N, C-alpha and C. Protein backbone atom coordinates (compact mmCIF):
# COMPACT_ATOMS: atom_id res chain seq x y z
N MET A 1 0.84 -1.17 0.00
CA MET A 1 0.00 0.00 0.00
C MET A 1 0.90 1.25 0.00
N ASP A 2 0.55 2.19 -0.80
CA ASP A 2 1.33 3.42 -0.95
C ASP A 2 1.09 4.35 0.24
N ILE A 3 2.13 5.06 0.68
CA ILE A 3 2.00 5.96 1.83
C ILE A 3 1.03 7.10 1.55
N ASP A 4 0.96 7.55 0.30
CA ASP A 4 0.01 8.62 -0.05
C ASP A 4 -1.43 8.16 0.12
N GLN A 5 -1.70 6.91 -0.21
CA GLN A 5 -3.05 6.37 -0.03
C GLN A 5 -3.41 6.30 1.45
N VAL A 6 -2.45 5.90 2.27
CA VAL A 6 -2.69 5.81 3.71
C VAL A 6 -2.97 7.20 4.28
N ILE A 7 -2.19 8.19 3.86
CA ILE A 7 -2.40 9.56 4.34
C ILE A 7 -3.75 10.09 3.87
N ASP A 8 -4.10 9.83 2.62
CA ASP A 8 -5.40 10.27 2.10
C ASP A 8 -6.54 9.64 2.88
N GLN A 9 -6.43 8.34 3.14
CA GLN A 9 -7.47 7.64 3.90
C GLN A 9 -7.59 8.22 5.31
N TRP A 10 -6.46 8.50 5.94
CA TRP A 10 -6.46 9.08 7.28
C TRP A 10 -7.12 10.46 7.27
N GLN A 11 -6.81 11.28 6.26
CA GLN A 11 -7.41 12.61 6.16
C GLN A 11 -8.92 12.52 5.94
N ILE A 12 -9.36 11.57 5.15
CA ILE A 12 -10.80 11.38 4.92
C ILE A 12 -11.49 10.98 6.22
N GLU A 13 -10.90 10.02 6.94
CA GLU A 13 -11.50 9.59 8.21
C GLU A 13 -11.53 10.73 9.23
N GLU A 14 -10.48 11.53 9.26
CA GLU A 14 -10.45 12.66 10.19
C GLU A 14 -11.51 13.70 9.82
N ALA A 15 -11.69 13.96 8.55
CA ALA A 15 -12.72 14.92 8.11
C ALA A 15 -14.11 14.41 8.46
N LEU A 16 -14.35 13.11 8.28
CA LEU A 16 -15.65 12.54 8.63
C LEU A 16 -15.91 12.64 10.13
N GLU A 17 -14.88 12.39 10.92
CA GLU A 17 -15.04 12.49 12.38
C GLU A 17 -15.33 13.93 12.80
N ARG A 18 -14.64 14.90 12.20
CA ARG A 18 -14.91 16.31 12.52
C ARG A 18 -16.33 16.70 12.13
N ALA A 19 -16.80 16.21 10.99
CA ALA A 19 -18.17 16.52 10.56
C ALA A 19 -19.18 15.92 11.52
N PHE A 20 -18.93 14.69 11.97
CA PHE A 20 -19.83 14.04 12.93
C PHE A 20 -19.88 14.81 14.24
N LEU A 21 -18.72 15.24 14.75
CA LEU A 21 -18.67 15.99 16.00
C LEU A 21 -19.37 17.34 15.87
N ALA A 22 -19.24 17.98 14.72
CA ALA A 22 -19.93 19.26 14.50
C ALA A 22 -21.44 19.06 14.50
N THR A 23 -21.89 17.96 13.92
CA THR A 23 -23.32 17.65 13.90
C THR A 23 -23.83 17.40 15.31
N GLU A 24 -23.06 16.69 16.12
CA GLU A 24 -23.45 16.43 17.51
C GLU A 24 -23.54 17.72 18.31
N ARG A 25 -22.58 18.62 18.12
CA ARG A 25 -22.61 19.90 18.84
C ARG A 25 -23.85 20.69 18.44
N LEU A 26 -24.20 20.69 17.17
CA LEU A 26 -25.39 21.40 16.70
C LEU A 26 -26.65 20.79 17.30
N SER A 27 -26.69 19.47 17.39
CA SER A 27 -27.85 18.80 17.97
C SER A 27 -28.03 19.18 19.44
N VAL A 28 -26.94 19.20 20.19
CA VAL A 28 -27.01 19.58 21.60
C VAL A 28 -27.43 21.04 21.72
N ALA A 29 -26.90 21.90 20.88
CA ALA A 29 -27.26 23.32 20.92
C ALA A 29 -28.75 23.50 20.64
N ARG A 30 -29.29 22.76 19.69
CA ARG A 30 -30.72 22.85 19.39
C ARG A 30 -31.56 22.43 20.59
N ARG A 31 -31.15 21.38 21.26
CA ARG A 31 -31.90 20.92 22.43
C ARG A 31 -31.86 21.96 23.55
N VAL A 32 -30.70 22.55 23.76
CA VAL A 32 -30.57 23.56 24.82
C VAL A 32 -31.42 24.79 24.49
N VAL A 33 -31.36 25.25 23.25
CA VAL A 33 -32.17 26.41 22.84
C VAL A 33 -33.65 26.10 22.99
N GLY A 34 -34.07 24.93 22.56
CA GLY A 34 -35.48 24.53 22.68
C GLY A 34 -35.93 24.47 24.13
N PHE A 35 -35.09 23.93 24.99
CA PHE A 35 -35.43 23.84 26.41
C PHE A 35 -35.62 25.22 27.01
N PHE A 36 -34.67 26.12 26.76
CA PHE A 36 -34.77 27.45 27.35
C PHE A 36 -35.92 28.26 26.75
N ALA A 37 -36.22 28.05 25.47
CA ALA A 37 -37.37 28.74 24.87
C ALA A 37 -38.67 28.26 25.50
N ALA A 38 -38.80 26.96 25.72
CA ALA A 38 -40.00 26.42 26.36
C ALA A 38 -40.10 26.89 27.81
N LEU A 39 -38.97 26.93 28.49
CA LEU A 39 -38.96 27.42 29.87
C LEU A 39 -39.36 28.89 29.94
N ALA A 40 -38.84 29.70 29.03
CA ALA A 40 -39.20 31.12 29.00
C ALA A 40 -40.68 31.30 28.69
N ALA A 41 -41.22 30.48 27.79
CA ALA A 41 -42.65 30.57 27.47
C ALA A 41 -43.49 30.21 28.69
N SER A 42 -43.07 29.20 29.43
CA SER A 42 -43.82 28.81 30.63
C SER A 42 -43.79 29.92 31.68
N VAL A 43 -42.63 30.49 31.90
CA VAL A 43 -42.50 31.58 32.88
C VAL A 43 -43.34 32.78 32.45
N ALA A 44 -43.28 33.13 31.17
CA ALA A 44 -44.07 34.26 30.67
C ALA A 44 -45.56 33.99 30.84
N GLY A 45 -45.98 32.77 30.59
CA GLY A 45 -47.39 32.42 30.75
C GLY A 45 -47.84 32.51 32.20
N VAL A 46 -47.02 32.04 33.11
CA VAL A 46 -47.36 32.11 34.54
C VAL A 46 -47.41 33.56 35.00
N ILE A 47 -46.42 34.35 34.61
CA ILE A 47 -46.40 35.76 35.00
C ILE A 47 -47.61 36.48 34.42
N GLY A 48 -47.95 36.19 33.18
CA GLY A 48 -49.14 36.81 32.57
C GLY A 48 -50.41 36.43 33.29
N THR A 49 -50.52 35.18 33.68
CA THR A 49 -51.72 34.73 34.40
C THR A 49 -51.83 35.42 35.76
N VAL A 50 -50.72 35.50 36.48
CA VAL A 50 -50.74 36.18 37.78
C VAL A 50 -51.10 37.65 37.61
N TRP A 51 -50.54 38.28 36.59
CA TRP A 51 -50.84 39.69 36.34
C TRP A 51 -52.32 39.89 36.07
N VAL A 52 -52.90 39.02 35.24
CA VAL A 52 -54.33 39.16 34.92
C VAL A 52 -55.17 38.93 36.17
N PHE A 53 -54.85 37.91 36.97
CA PHE A 53 -55.59 37.69 38.22
C PHE A 53 -55.51 38.93 39.11
N HIS A 54 -54.33 39.50 39.23
CA HIS A 54 -54.12 40.62 40.15
C HIS A 54 -54.75 41.92 39.65
N ASN A 55 -54.61 42.21 38.37
CA ASN A 55 -55.00 43.53 37.87
C ASN A 55 -56.37 43.57 37.20
N VAL A 56 -56.85 42.48 36.68
CA VAL A 56 -58.09 42.51 35.91
C VAL A 56 -59.24 41.90 36.69
N GLY A 57 -59.00 40.81 37.37
CA GLY A 57 -60.07 40.22 38.15
C GLY A 57 -60.14 38.72 37.96
N LEU A 58 -61.01 38.11 38.76
CA LEU A 58 -61.09 36.66 38.82
C LEU A 58 -61.59 36.05 37.52
N GLY A 59 -62.62 36.65 36.91
CA GLY A 59 -63.20 36.06 35.70
C GLY A 59 -62.19 35.92 34.58
N LEU A 60 -61.53 37.03 34.24
CA LEU A 60 -60.52 36.96 33.18
C LEU A 60 -59.30 36.18 33.64
N GLY A 61 -59.02 36.22 34.94
CA GLY A 61 -57.89 35.45 35.46
C GLY A 61 -58.09 33.96 35.25
N LEU A 62 -59.32 33.50 35.48
CA LEU A 62 -59.60 32.07 35.24
C LEU A 62 -59.51 31.74 33.76
N LEU A 63 -59.99 32.64 32.91
CA LEU A 63 -59.84 32.40 31.47
C LEU A 63 -58.35 32.31 31.11
N SER A 64 -57.57 33.19 31.69
CA SER A 64 -56.13 33.18 31.43
C SER A 64 -55.50 31.89 31.94
N ALA A 65 -55.95 31.42 33.11
CA ALA A 65 -55.39 30.19 33.67
C ALA A 65 -55.72 28.99 32.78
N TYR A 66 -56.92 28.98 32.20
CA TYR A 66 -57.26 27.87 31.31
C TYR A 66 -56.52 27.98 29.99
N ALA A 67 -56.19 29.20 29.59
CA ALA A 67 -55.48 29.38 28.32
C ALA A 67 -53.98 29.13 28.46
N LEU A 68 -53.46 29.16 29.67
CA LEU A 68 -52.02 29.00 29.89
C LEU A 68 -51.45 27.71 29.30
N PRO A 69 -52.04 26.53 29.59
CA PRO A 69 -51.47 25.31 29.00
C PRO A 69 -51.51 25.32 27.47
N LEU A 70 -52.57 25.88 26.90
CA LEU A 70 -52.66 25.97 25.44
C LEU A 70 -51.57 26.89 24.90
N PHE A 71 -51.37 28.02 25.57
CA PHE A 71 -50.33 28.96 25.15
C PHE A 71 -48.95 28.29 25.19
N VAL A 72 -48.65 27.61 26.28
CA VAL A 72 -47.35 26.95 26.41
C VAL A 72 -47.19 25.87 25.34
N LEU A 73 -48.24 25.11 25.09
CA LEU A 73 -48.18 24.08 24.05
C LEU A 73 -47.91 24.68 22.68
N LEU A 74 -48.61 25.77 22.36
CA LEU A 74 -48.41 26.40 21.05
C LEU A 74 -46.99 26.95 20.92
N VAL A 75 -46.47 27.54 21.97
CA VAL A 75 -45.10 28.05 21.92
C VAL A 75 -44.11 26.90 21.75
N MET A 76 -44.34 25.81 22.46
CA MET A 76 -43.43 24.66 22.34
C MET A 76 -43.49 24.07 20.94
N LEU A 77 -44.68 24.03 20.35
CA LEU A 77 -44.78 23.55 18.97
C LEU A 77 -44.06 24.48 18.02
N GLY A 78 -44.16 25.78 18.27
CA GLY A 78 -43.43 26.74 17.45
C GLY A 78 -41.93 26.57 17.57
N VAL A 79 -41.46 26.31 18.77
CA VAL A 79 -40.04 26.07 18.98
C VAL A 79 -39.62 24.79 18.27
N GLU A 80 -40.46 23.78 18.34
CA GLU A 80 -40.14 22.51 17.68
C GLU A 80 -40.07 22.69 16.16
N ARG A 81 -40.94 23.54 15.61
CA ARG A 81 -40.89 23.80 14.17
C ARG A 81 -39.61 24.54 13.81
N ALA A 82 -39.25 25.54 14.63
CA ALA A 82 -38.07 26.35 14.33
C ALA A 82 -36.78 25.59 14.63
N VAL A 83 -36.78 24.82 15.70
CA VAL A 83 -35.59 24.07 16.12
C VAL A 83 -36.01 22.63 16.35
N PRO A 84 -35.95 21.77 15.31
CA PRO A 84 -36.39 20.38 15.48
C PRO A 84 -35.54 19.66 16.52
N LEU A 85 -36.12 19.41 17.68
CA LEU A 85 -35.35 18.86 18.79
C LEU A 85 -35.02 17.38 18.61
N GLY A 86 -35.84 16.64 17.92
CA GLY A 86 -35.62 15.21 17.79
C GLY A 86 -34.67 14.83 16.68
N LYS A 87 -34.25 15.79 15.88
CA LYS A 87 -33.39 15.48 14.73
C LYS A 87 -31.98 15.95 15.01
N SER A 88 -31.02 15.14 14.56
CA SER A 88 -29.63 15.54 14.78
C SER A 88 -28.99 15.97 13.49
C-alpha cells in the first residue's frame, strides 16, 4: 500500500469524524435552545396569568389560567418547528 493512499485515507477519516462531532454539537445546541425557549414561554405564561388575576379580576384570570397550557403548548410547537429537537 502506498504511503500517499494511507495519508489520504487518514485525512478522509479525520474529516468525517470532525463533521460528525460538529453535527453532535449542533444537535445539543438545538436541544438547549429549545429547552430554554419552552422554559421562557412557561414563565411568561405564569407571569401573565398572575398579572391578569391581580389587575383585571377573577373572571378573566380564570380564562387566562385555562389558556395558559394551550399557550405553552403552542409556543413549544413553534419552537419545535423552528428548532427540530428530535433530529440531529
